[in-house]
Amino acid sequence: MVIRIQSVNHMNAFLLPNNIQPKAAQYKVFQADDGVILFIPVKDISE
């Protein structure tokens, strides 16, 4: 699947499709040298 970066209030945002359900309330974000963007969960929603 391909998603596009959206501009929201002068910030870049990824709008997730409905079939992707976040499992955490917060994520750490990293970008690798090759451009890969990783979202790593910080805290579980159920906590």
N, C-alpha and C. Protein backbone atom coordinates (compact mmCIF):
# COMPACT_ATOMS: atom_id res chain seq x y z
N MET A 1 0.84 -1.16 0.00
CA MET A 1 0.00 0.00 0.00
C MET A 1 0.89 1.23 0.00
N VAL A 2 0.41 2.27 -0.63
CA VAL A 2 1.14 3.52 -0.72
C VAL A 2 0.31 4.60 -0.04
N ILE A 3 0.95 5.39 0.82
CA ILE A 3 0.28 6.54 1.41
C ILE A 3 1.09 7.78 1.09
N ARG A 4 0.47 8.93 1.17
CA ARG A 4 1.15 10.19 0.87
C ARG A 4 1.29 11.01 2.15
N ILE A 5 2.30 11.84 2.17
CA ILE A 5 2.48 12.78 3.27
C ILE A 5 1.48 13.92 3.06
N GLN A 6 0.75 14.27 4.12
CA GLN A 6 -0.22 15.36 4.09
C GLN A 6 0.33 16.52 4.92
N SER A 7 0.05 17.75 4.49
CA SER A 7 0.41 18.92 5.27
C SER A 7 -0.78 19.27 6.17
N VAL A 8 -0.54 19.24 7.50
CA VAL A 8 -1.58 19.54 8.48
C VAL A 8 -1.01 20.57 9.45
N ASN A 9 -1.57 21.77 9.45
CA ASN A 9 -1.10 22.84 10.35
C ASN A 9 0.41 23.04 10.27
N HIS A 10 0.93 23.12 9.06
CA HIS A 10 2.36 23.35 8.80
C HIS A 10 3.25 22.21 9.29
N MET A 11 2.67 21.00 9.43
CA MET A 11 3.44 19.83 9.83
C MET A 11 3.18 18.73 8.81
N ASN A 12 4.11 17.78 8.68
CA ASN A 12 3.91 16.62 7.82
C ASN A 12 3.21 15.52 8.61
N ALA A 13 2.22 14.87 7.97
CA ALA A 13 1.47 13.82 8.65
C ALA A 13 1.23 12.66 7.70
N PHE A 14 1.27 11.45 8.26
CA PHE A 14 0.87 10.25 7.53
C PHE A 14 -0.53 9.90 7.98
N LEU A 15 -1.49 9.85 7.07
CA LEU A 15 -2.84 9.43 7.40
C LEU A 15 -2.91 7.93 7.18
N LEU A 16 -3.20 7.20 8.26
CA LEU A 16 -3.21 5.74 8.19
C LEU A 16 -4.54 5.23 7.67
N PRO A 17 -4.51 4.24 6.79
CA PRO A 17 -5.75 3.62 6.33
C PRO A 17 -6.44 2.90 7.49
N ASN A 18 -7.75 2.69 7.36
CA ASN A 18 -8.55 2.07 8.41
C ASN A 18 -8.07 0.68 8.80
N ASN A 19 -7.40 -0.03 7.90
CA ASN A 19 -6.97 -1.39 8.23
C ASN A 19 -5.72 -1.42 9.10
N ILE A 20 -5.11 -0.28 9.38
CA ILE A 20 -3.98 -0.20 10.31
C ILE A 20 -4.49 0.38 11.61
N GLN A 21 -4.50 -0.43 12.65
CA GLN A 21 -5.00 -0.02 13.97
C GLN A 21 -3.81 0.18 14.91
N PRO A 22 -3.52 1.42 15.32
CA PRO A 22 -2.40 1.66 16.24
C PRO A 22 -2.57 0.86 17.53
N LYS A 23 -1.48 0.31 18.03
CA LYS A 23 -1.48 -0.49 19.25
C LYS A 23 -0.90 0.27 20.42
N ALA A 24 -0.48 1.52 20.21
CA ALA A 24 0.11 2.33 21.27
C ALA A 24 -0.40 3.76 21.15
N ALA A 25 -0.30 4.49 22.26
CA ALA A 25 -0.72 5.89 22.27
C ALA A 25 0.39 6.81 21.77
N GLN A 26 1.64 6.38 21.93
CA GLN A 26 2.78 7.18 21.52
C GLN A 26 3.79 6.32 20.79
N TYR A 27 4.53 6.96 19.88
CA TYR A 27 5.55 6.27 19.10
C TYR A 27 6.80 7.12 19.03
N LYS A 28 7.96 6.48 19.08
CA LYS A 28 9.22 7.14 18.75
C LYS A 28 9.39 7.00 17.24
N VAL A 29 9.90 8.04 16.59
CA VAL A 29 10.03 8.04 15.14
C VAL A 29 11.49 8.24 14.77
N PHE A 30 11.94 7.41 13.84
CA PHE A 30 13.33 7.49 13.35
C PHE A 30 13.32 7.43 11.83
N GLN A 31 14.30 8.08 11.22
CA GLN A 31 14.47 7.97 9.77
C GLN A 31 15.88 7.47 9.48
N ALA A 32 15.98 6.36 8.75
CA ALA A 32 17.26 5.77 8.38
C ALA A 32 17.90 6.56 7.24
N ASP A 33 19.17 6.32 7.02
CA ASP A 33 19.90 7.00 5.95
C ASP A 33 19.28 6.77 4.58
N ASP A 34 18.63 5.60 4.39
CA ASP A 34 18.03 5.29 3.09
C ASP A 34 16.61 5.84 2.94
N GLY A 35 16.12 6.58 3.95
CA GLY A 35 14.80 7.20 3.88
C GLY A 35 13.69 6.43 4.56
N VAL A 36 13.97 5.21 5.03
CA VAL A 36 12.96 4.41 5.71
C VAL A 36 12.58 5.11 7.01
N ILE A 37 11.28 5.24 7.26
CA ILE A 37 10.77 5.85 8.49
C ILE A 37 10.19 4.76 9.37
N LEU A 38 10.65 4.70 10.62
CA LEU A 38 10.21 3.68 11.57
C LEU A 38 9.41 4.32 12.70
N PHE A 39 8.29 3.73 13.04
CA PHE A 39 7.48 4.15 14.17
C PHE A 39 7.55 3.03 15.21
N ILE A 40 8.15 3.30 16.36
CA ILE A 40 8.34 2.30 17.40
C ILE A 40 7.41 2.64 18.57
N PRO A 41 6.50 1.73 18.98
CA PRO A 41 5.59 2.04 20.06
C PRO A 41 6.32 2.31 21.38
N VAL A 42 5.82 3.29 22.12
CA VAL A 42 6.40 3.66 23.41
C VAL A 42 5.57 3.10 24.54
N LYS A 43 4.26 3.23 24.47
CA LYS A 43 3.39 2.81 25.56
C LYS A 43 2.14 2.17 25.00
N ASP A 44 1.72 1.07 25.60
CA ASP A 44 0.54 0.36 25.15
C ASP A 44 -0.73 1.11 25.55
N ILE A 45 -1.74 1.15 24.67
CA ILE A 45 -3.00 1.84 24.95
C ILE A 45 -3.68 1.27 26.19
N SER A 46 -3.58 -0.01 26.41
CA SER A 46 -4.28 -0.65 27.53
C SER A 46 -3.68 -0.33 28.89
N GLU A 47 -2.50 0.28 28.92
CA GLU A 47 -1.86 0.60 30.21
C GLU A 47 -2.47 1.83 30.83
